[in-house]
Amino acid sequence: IKQLFSKLPKHWKKLTITGVGPDRKTYVRMQ
């Protein structure tokens, strides 16, 4: 699993995905 470039909508401050993959990693995308 890799995290690629992307953009949030302007009114989203932060997006957090938890429990990803067998290692239960957390991925974050900030505005």
ModelCIF file with pLDDT and N, C-alpha, C, O atoms, coordinates in Angstrom:
data_MODEL
#
_entry.id   MODEL 
#
_entity.id                         1 
_entity.type                       polymer 
_entity.pdbx_number_of_molecules   1 
#
_entity_poly.entity_id                      1 
_entity_poly.type                           'polypeptide(L)' 
_entity_poly.nstd_linkage                   no 
_entity_poly.nstd_monomer                   no 
_entity_poly.pdbx_seq_one_letter_code       IKQLFSKLPKHWKKLTITGVGPDRKTYVRMQ 
_entity_poly.pdbx_seq_one_letter_code_can   IKQLFSKLPKHWKKLTITGVGPDRKTYVRMQ 
_entity_poly.pdbx_strand_id                 A 
#
loop_
_entity_poly_seq.entity_id 
_entity_poly_seq.num 
_entity_poly_seq.mon_id 
_entity_poly_seq.hetero 
1 1  ILE n 
1 2  LYS n 
1 3  GLN n 
1 4  LEU n 
1 5  PHE n 
1 6  SER n 
1 7  LYS n 
1 8  LEU n 
1 9  PRO n 
1 10 LYS n 
1 11 HIS n 
1 12 TRP n 
1 13 LYS n 
1 14 LYS n 
1 15 LEU n 
1 16 THR n 
1 17 ILE n 
1 18 THR n 
1 19 GLY n 
1 20 VAL n 
1 21 GLY n 
1 22 PRO n 
1 23 ASP n 
1 24 ARG n 
1 25 LYS n 
1 26 THR n 
1 27 TYR n 
1 28 VAL n 
1 29 ARG n 
1 30 MET n 
1 31 GLN n 
#
_struct_asym.id          A 
_struct_asym.entity_id   1 
#
loop_
_ma_qa_metric.id 
_ma_qa_metric.mode 
_ma_qa_metric.name 
_ma_qa_metric.software_group_id 
_ma_qa_metric.type 
1 global pLDDT . pLDDT 
2 local  pLDDT . pLDDT 
#
_ma_qa_metric_global.metric_id      1 
_ma_qa_metric_global.metric_value   97.68 
_ma_qa_metric_global.model_id       1 
_ma_qa_metric_global.ordinal_id     1 
#
loop_
_ma_qa_metric_local.label_asym_id 
_ma_qa_metric_local.label_comp_id 
_ma_qa_metric_local.label_seq_id 
_ma_qa_metric_local.metric_id 
_ma_qa_metric_local.metric_value 
_ma_qa_metric_local.model_id 
_ma_qa_metric_local.ordinal_id 
A ILE 1  2 98.00 1 1  
A LYS 2  2 98.00 1 2  
A GLN 3  2 98.00 1 3  
A LEU 4  2 98.00 1 4  
A PHE 5  2 98.00 1 5  
A SER 6  2 98.00 1 6  
A LYS 7  2 98.00 1 7  
A LEU 8  2 98.00 1 8  
A PRO 9  2 98.00 1 9  
A LYS 10 2 97.00 1 10 
A HIS 11 2 97.00 1 11 
A TRP 12 2 98.00 1 12 
A LYS 13 2 98.00 1 13 
A LYS 14 2 98.00 1 14 
A LEU 15 2 98.00 1 15 
A THR 16 2 98.00 1 16 
A ILE 17 2 98.00 1 17 
A THR 18 2 98.00 1 18 
A GLY 19 2 98.00 1 19 
A VAL 20 2 98.00 1 20 
A GLY 21 2 98.00 1 21 
A PRO 22 2 98.00 1 22 
A ASP 23 2 97.00 1 23 
A ARG 24 2 98.00 1 24 
A LYS 25 2 98.00 1 25 
A THR 26 2 98.00 1 26 
A TYR 27 2 98.00 1 27 
A VAL 28 2 98.00 1 28 
A ARG 29 2 98.00 1 29 
A MET 30 2 96.00 1 30 
A GLN 31 2 93.00 1 31 
#
loop_
_atom_site.group_PDB 
_atom_site.id 
_atom_site.type_symbol 
_atom_site.label_atom_id 
_atom_site.label_alt_id 
_atom_site.label_comp_id 
_atom_site.label_asym_id 
_atom_site.label_entity_id 
_atom_site.label_seq_id 
_atom_site.pdbx_PDB_ins_code 
_atom_site.Cartn_x 
_atom_site.Cartn_y 
_atom_site.Cartn_z 
_atom_site.occupancy 
_atom_site.B_iso_or_equiv 
_atom_site.pdbx_formal_charge 
_atom_site.auth_seq_id 
_atom_site.auth_comp_id 
_atom_site.auth_asym_id 
_atom_site.auth_atom_id 
_atom_site.pdbx_PDB_model_num 
ATOM 1   N N  . ILE A 1 1  ? 0.840   -1.196 0.000  1.00 98.00 ? 1  ILE A N  1 
ATOM 2   C CA . ILE A 1 1  ? 0.000   0.000  0.000  1.00 98.00 ? 1  ILE A CA 1 
ATOM 3   C C  . ILE A 1 1  ? 0.875   1.245  0.000  1.00 98.00 ? 1  ILE A C  1 
ATOM 4   O O  . ILE A 1 1  ? 1.798   1.363  0.806  1.00 98.00 ? 1  ILE A O  1 
ATOM 5   N N  . LYS A 1 2  ? 0.580   2.179  -0.911 1.00 98.00 ? 2  LYS A N  1 
ATOM 6   C CA . LYS A 1 2  ? 1.297   3.442  -0.970 1.00 98.00 ? 2  LYS A CA 1 
ATOM 7   C C  . LYS A 1 2  ? 0.298   4.593  -0.947 1.00 98.00 ? 2  LYS A C  1 
ATOM 8   O O  . LYS A 1 2  ? -0.873  4.420  -1.286 1.00 98.00 ? 2  LYS A O  1 
ATOM 9   N N  . GLN A 1 3  ? 0.768   5.754  -0.547 1.00 98.00 ? 3  GLN A N  1 
ATOM 10  C CA . GLN A 1 3  ? -0.063  6.961  -0.565 1.00 98.00 ? 3  GLN A CA 1 
ATOM 11  C C  . GLN A 1 3  ? 0.414   7.885  -1.670 1.00 98.00 ? 3  GLN A C  1 
ATOM 12  O O  . GLN A 1 3  ? 1.546   8.367  -1.643 1.00 98.00 ? 3  GLN A O  1 
ATOM 13  N N  . LEU A 1 4  ? -0.454  8.128  -2.641 1.00 98.00 ? 4  LEU A N  1 
ATOM 14  C CA . LEU A 1 4  ? -0.135  8.966  -3.787 1.00 98.00 ? 4  LEU A CA 1 
ATOM 15  C C  . LEU A 1 4  ? -0.552  10.411 -3.539 1.00 98.00 ? 4  LEU A C  1 
ATOM 16  O O  . LEU A 1 4  ? -1.242  10.711 -2.564 1.00 98.00 ? 4  LEU A O  1 
ATOM 17  N N  . PHE A 1 5  ? -0.131  11.291 -4.419 1.00 98.00 ? 5  PHE A N  1 
ATOM 18  C CA . PHE A 1 5  ? -0.557  12.685 -4.369 1.00 98.00 ? 5  PHE A CA 1 
ATOM 19  C C  . PHE A 1 5  ? -2.067  12.781 -4.571 1.00 98.00 ? 5  PHE A C  1 
ATOM 20  O O  . PHE A 1 5  ? -2.635  12.063 -5.394 1.00 98.00 ? 5  PHE A O  1 
ATOM 21  N N  . SER A 1 6  ? -2.709  13.664 -3.823 1.00 98.00 ? 6  SER A N  1 
ATOM 22  C CA . SER A 1 6  ? -4.139  13.940 -4.009 1.00 98.00 ? 6  SER A CA 1 
ATOM 23  C C  . SER A 1 6  ? -4.471  15.234 -3.285 1.00 98.00 ? 6  SER A C  1 
ATOM 24  O O  . SER A 1 6  ? -3.654  15.769 -2.536 1.00 98.00 ? 6  SER A O  1 
ATOM 25  N N  . LYS A 1 7  ? -5.681  15.730 -3.519 1.00 98.00 ? 7  LYS A N  1 
ATOM 26  C CA . LYS A 1 7  ? -6.111  16.977 -2.890 1.00 98.00 ? 7  LYS A CA 1 
ATOM 27  C C  . LYS A 1 7  ? -7.473  16.801 -2.230 1.00 98.00 ? 7  LYS A C  1 
ATOM 28  O O  . LYS A 1 7  ? -8.359  16.136 -2.765 1.00 98.00 ? 7  LYS A O  1 
ATOM 29  N N  . LEU A 1 8  ? -7.621  17.416 -1.047 1.00 98.00 ? 8  LEU A N  1 
ATOM 30  C CA . LEU A 1 8  ? -8.905  17.455 -0.365 1.00 98.00 ? 8  LEU A CA 1 
ATOM 31  C C  . LEU A 1 8  ? -9.754  18.613 -0.902 1.00 98.00 ? 8  LEU A C  1 
ATOM 32  O O  . LEU A 1 8  ? -9.218  19.559 -1.479 1.00 98.00 ? 8  LEU A O  1 
ATOM 33  N N  . PRO A 1 9  ? -11.081 18.539 -0.712 1.00 98.00 ? 9  PRO A N  1 
ATOM 34  C CA . PRO A 1 9  ? -11.902 19.734 -0.965 1.00 98.00 ? 9  PRO A CA 1 
ATOM 35  C C  . PRO A 1 9  ? -11.474 20.855 -0.008 1.00 98.00 ? 9  PRO A C  1 
ATOM 36  O O  . PRO A 1 9  ? -10.959 20.580 1.076  1.00 98.00 ? 9  PRO A O  1 
ATOM 37  N N  . LYS A 1 10 ? -11.684 22.094 -0.400 1.00 97.00 ? 10 LYS A N  1 
ATOM 38  C CA . LYS A 1 10 ? -11.201 23.220 0.406  1.00 97.00 ? 10 LYS A CA 1 
ATOM 39  C C  . LYS A 1 10 ? -11.779 23.244 1.823  1.00 97.00 ? 10 LYS A C  1 
ATOM 40  O O  . LYS A 1 10 ? -11.106 23.685 2.755  1.00 97.00 ? 10 LYS A O  1 
ATOM 41  N N  . HIS A 1 11 ? -13.020 22.772 1.995  1.00 97.00 ? 11 HIS A N  1 
ATOM 42  C CA . HIS A 1 11 ? -13.629 22.864 3.320  1.00 97.00 ? 11 HIS A CA 1 
ATOM 43  C C  . HIS A 1 11 ? -13.309 21.667 4.212  1.00 97.00 ? 11 HIS A C  1 
ATOM 44  O O  . HIS A 1 11 ? -13.687 21.658 5.383  1.00 97.00 ? 11 HIS A O  1 
ATOM 45  N N  . TRP A 1 12 ? -12.622 20.661 3.681  1.00 98.00 ? 12 TRP A N  1 
ATOM 46  C CA . TRP A 1 12 ? -12.172 19.562 4.536  1.00 98.00 ? 12 TRP A CA 1 
ATOM 47  C C  . TRP A 1 12 ? -10.844 19.970 5.175  1.00 98.00 ? 12 TRP A C  1 
ATOM 48  O O  . TRP A 1 12 ? -9.892  20.309 4.472  1.00 98.00 ? 12 TRP A O  1 
ATOM 49  N N  . LYS A 1 13 ? -10.782 19.936 6.485  1.00 98.00 ? 13 LYS A N  1 
ATOM 50  C CA . LYS A 1 13 ? -9.560  20.319 7.183  1.00 98.00 ? 13 LYS A CA 1 
ATOM 51  C C  . LYS A 1 13 ? -8.566  19.167 7.253  1.00 98.00 ? 13 LYS A C  1 
ATOM 52  O O  . LYS A 1 13 ? -7.359  19.366 7.120  1.00 98.00 ? 13 LYS A O  1 
ATOM 53  N N  . LYS A 1 14 ? -9.084  17.968 7.464  1.00 98.00 ? 14 LYS A N  1 
ATOM 54  C CA . LYS A 1 14 ? -8.196  16.825 7.672  1.00 98.00 ? 14 LYS A CA 1 
ATOM 55  C C  . LYS A 1 14 ? -8.960  15.541 7.402  1.00 98.00 ? 14 LYS A C  1 
ATOM 56  O O  . LYS A 1 14 ? -10.138 15.421 7.737  1.00 98.00 ? 14 LYS A O  1 
ATOM 57  N N  . LEU A 1 15 ? -8.270  14.577 6.787  1.00 98.00 ? 15 LEU A N  1 
ATOM 58  C CA . LEU A 1 15 ? -8.836  13.256 6.532  1.00 98.00 ? 15 LEU A CA 1 
ATOM 59  C C  . LEU A 1 15 ? -7.893  12.213 7.136  1.00 98.00 ? 15 LEU A C  1 
ATOM 60  O O  . LEU A 1 15 ? -6.698  12.199 6.842  1.00 98.00 ? 15 LEU A O  1 
ATOM 61  N N  . THR A 1 16 ? -8.446  11.342 7.985  1.00 98.00 ? 16 THR A N  1 
ATOM 62  C CA . THR A 1 16 ? -7.652  10.314 8.659  1.00 98.00 ? 16 THR A CA 1 
ATOM 63  C C  . THR A 1 16 ? -8.255  8.946  8.379  1.00 98.00 ? 16 THR A C  1 
ATOM 64  O O  . THR A 1 16 ? -9.448  8.738  8.601  1.00 98.00 ? 16 THR A O  1 
ATOM 65  N N  . ILE A 1 17 ? -7.453  8.021  7.900  1.00 98.00 ? 17 ILE A N  1 
ATOM 66  C CA . ILE A 1 17 ? -7.883  6.634  7.682  1.00 98.00 ? 17 ILE A CA 1 
ATOM 67  C C  . ILE A 1 17 ? -7.076  5.757  8.633  1.00 98.00 ? 17 ILE A C  1 
ATOM 68  O O  . ILE A 1 17 ? -5.846  5.763  8.589  1.00 98.00 ? 17 ILE A O  1 
ATOM 69  N N  . THR A 1 18 ? -7.755  5.008  9.488  1.00 98.00 ? 18 THR A N  1 
ATOM 70  C CA . THR A 1 18 ? -7.079  4.170  10.481 1.00 98.00 ? 18 THR A CA 1 
ATOM 71  C C  . THR A 1 18 ? -7.273  2.696  10.162 1.00 98.00 ? 18 THR A C  1 
ATOM 72  O O  . THR A 1 18 ? -8.206  2.310  9.458  1.00 98.00 ? 18 THR A O  1 
ATOM 73  N N  . GLY A 1 19 ? -6.365  1.878  10.702 1.00 98.00 ? 19 GLY A N  1 
ATOM 74  C CA . GLY A 1 19 ? -6.500  0.426  10.579 1.00 98.00 ? 19 GLY A CA 1 
ATOM 75  C C  . GLY A 1 19 ? -6.250  -0.104 9.189  1.00 98.00 ? 19 GLY A C  1 
ATOM 76  O O  . GLY A 1 19 ? -6.864  -1.093 8.789  1.00 98.00 ? 19 GLY A O  1 
ATOM 77  N N  . VAL A 1 20 ? -5.357  0.531  8.435  1.00 98.00 ? 20 VAL A N  1 
ATOM 78  C CA . VAL A 1 20 ? -5.128  0.149  7.041  1.00 98.00 ? 20 VAL A CA 1 
ATOM 79  C C  . VAL A 1 20 ? -4.085  -0.967 6.957  1.00 98.00 ? 20 VAL A C  1 
ATOM 80  O O  . VAL A 1 20 ? -2.995  -0.864 7.519  1.00 98.00 ? 20 VAL A O  1 
ATOM 81  N N  . GLY A 1 21 ? -4.448  -2.038 6.239  1.00 98.00 ? 21 GLY A N  1 
ATOM 82  C CA . GLY A 1 21 ? -3.515  -3.125 5.991  1.00 98.00 ? 21 GLY A CA 1 
ATOM 83  C C  . GLY A 1 21 ? -3.274  -4.004 7.205  1.00 98.00 ? 21 GLY A C  1 
ATOM 84  O O  . GLY A 1 21 ? -3.802  -3.724 8.281  1.00 98.00 ? 21 GLY A O  1 
ATOM 85  N N  . PRO A 1 22 ? -2.490  -5.057 7.054  1.00 98.00 ? 22 PRO A N  1 
ATOM 86  C CA . PRO A 1 22 ? -2.226  -5.984 8.161  1.00 98.00 ? 22 PRO A CA 1 
ATOM 87  C C  . PRO A 1 22 ? -1.572  -5.318 9.366  1.00 98.00 ? 22 PRO A C  1 
ATOM 88  O O  . PRO A 1 22 ? -1.742  -5.780 10.494 1.00 98.00 ? 22 PRO A O  1 
ATOM 89  N N  . ASP A 1 23 ? -0.823  -4.232 9.139  1.00 97.00 ? 23 ASP A N  1 
ATOM 90  C CA . ASP A 1 23 ? -0.146  -3.537 10.239 1.00 97.00 ? 23 ASP A CA 1 
ATOM 91  C C  . ASP A 1 23 ? -1.005  -2.462 10.878 1.00 97.00 ? 23 ASP A C  1 
ATOM 92  O O  . ASP A 1 23 ? -0.547  -1.758 11.778 1.00 97.00 ? 23 ASP A O  1 
ATOM 93  N N  . ARG A 1 24 ? -2.238  -2.326 10.427 1.00 98.00 ? 24 ARG A N  1 
ATOM 94  C CA . ARG A 1 24 ? -3.186  -1.354 11.000 1.00 98.00 ? 24 ARG A CA 1 
ATOM 95  C C  . ARG A 1 24 ? -2.606  0.061  11.025 1.00 98.00 ? 24 ARG A C  1 
ATOM 96  O O  . ARG A 1 24 ? -2.647  0.739  12.051 1.00 98.00 ? 24 ARG A O  1 
ATOM 97  N N  . LYS A 1 25 ? -2.075  0.489  9.904  1.00 98.00 ? 25 LYS A N  1 
ATOM 98  C CA . LYS A 1 25 ? -1.462  1.805  9.825  1.00 98.00 ? 25 LYS A CA 1 
ATOM 99  C C  . LYS A 1 25 ? -2.509  2.911  9.738  1.00 98.00 ? 25 LYS A C  1 
ATOM 100 O O  . LYS A 1 25 ? -3.663  2.671  9.380  1.00 98.00 ? 25 LYS A O  1 
ATOM 101 N N  . THR A 1 26 ? -2.088  4.108  10.068 1.00 98.00 ? 26 THR A N  1 
ATOM 102 C CA . THR A 1 26 ? -2.920  5.300  9.946  1.00 98.00 ? 26 THR A CA 1 
ATOM 103 C C  . THR A 1 26 ? -2.346  6.198  8.849  1.00 98.00 ? 26 THR A C  1 
ATOM 104 O O  . THR A 1 26 ? -1.143  6.457  8.817  1.00 98.00 ? 26 THR A O  1 
ATOM 105 N N  . TYR A 1 27 ? -3.213  6.671  7.952  1.00 98.00 ? 27 TYR A N  1 
ATOM 106 C CA . TYR A 1 27 ? -2.810  7.590  6.892  1.00 98.00 ? 27 TYR A CA 1 
ATOM 107 C C  . TYR A 1 27 ? -3.602  8.890  7.052  1.00 98.00 ? 27 TYR A C  1 
ATOM 108 O O  . TYR A 1 27 ? -4.789  8.875  7.378  1.00 98.00 ? 27 TYR A O  1 
ATOM 109 N N  . VAL A 1 28 ? -2.927  9.999  6.819  1.00 98.00 ? 28 VAL A N  1 
ATOM 110 C CA . VAL A 1 28 ? -3.538  11.309 7.018  1.00 98.00 ? 28 VAL A CA 1 
ATOM 111 C C  . VAL A 1 28 ? -3.322  12.161 5.774  1.00 98.00 ? 28 VAL A C  1 
ATOM 112 O O  . VAL A 1 28 ? -2.258  12.118 5.156  1.00 98.00 ? 28 VAL A O  1 
ATOM 113 N N  . ARG A 1 29 ? -4.339  12.935 5.413  1.00 98.00 ? 29 ARG A N  1 
ATOM 114 C CA . ARG A 1 29 ? -4.205  13.957 4.381  1.00 98.00 ? 29 ARG A CA 1 
ATOM 115 C C  . ARG A 1 29 ? -4.701  15.267 4.983  1.00 98.00 ? 29 ARG A C  1 
ATOM 116 O O  . ARG A 1 29 ? -5.849  15.359 5.419  1.00 98.00 ? 29 ARG A O  1 
ATOM 117 N N  . MET A 1 30 ? -3.843  16.271 5.006  1.00 96.00 ? 30 MET A N  1 
ATOM 118 C CA . MET A 1 30 ? -4.180  17.569 5.596  1.00 96.00 ? 30 MET A CA 1 
ATOM 119 C C  . MET A 1 30 ? -4.510  18.584 4.499  1.00 96.00 ? 30 MET A C  1 
ATOM 120 O O  . MET A 1 30 ? -4.015  18.491 3.376  1.00 96.00 ? 30 MET A O  1 
ATOM 121 N N  . GLN A 1 31 ? -5.347  19.540 4.849  1.00 93.00 ? 31 GLN A N  1 
ATOM 122 C CA . GLN A 1 31 ? -5.609  20.655 3.938  1.00 93.00 ? 31 GLN A CA 1 
ATOM 123 C C  . GLN A 1 31 ? -4.400  21.569 3.943  1.00 93.00 ? 31 GLN A C  1 
ATOM 124 O O  . GLN A 1 31 ? -4.390  22.583 3.246  1.00 93.00 ? 31 GLN A O  1 
#
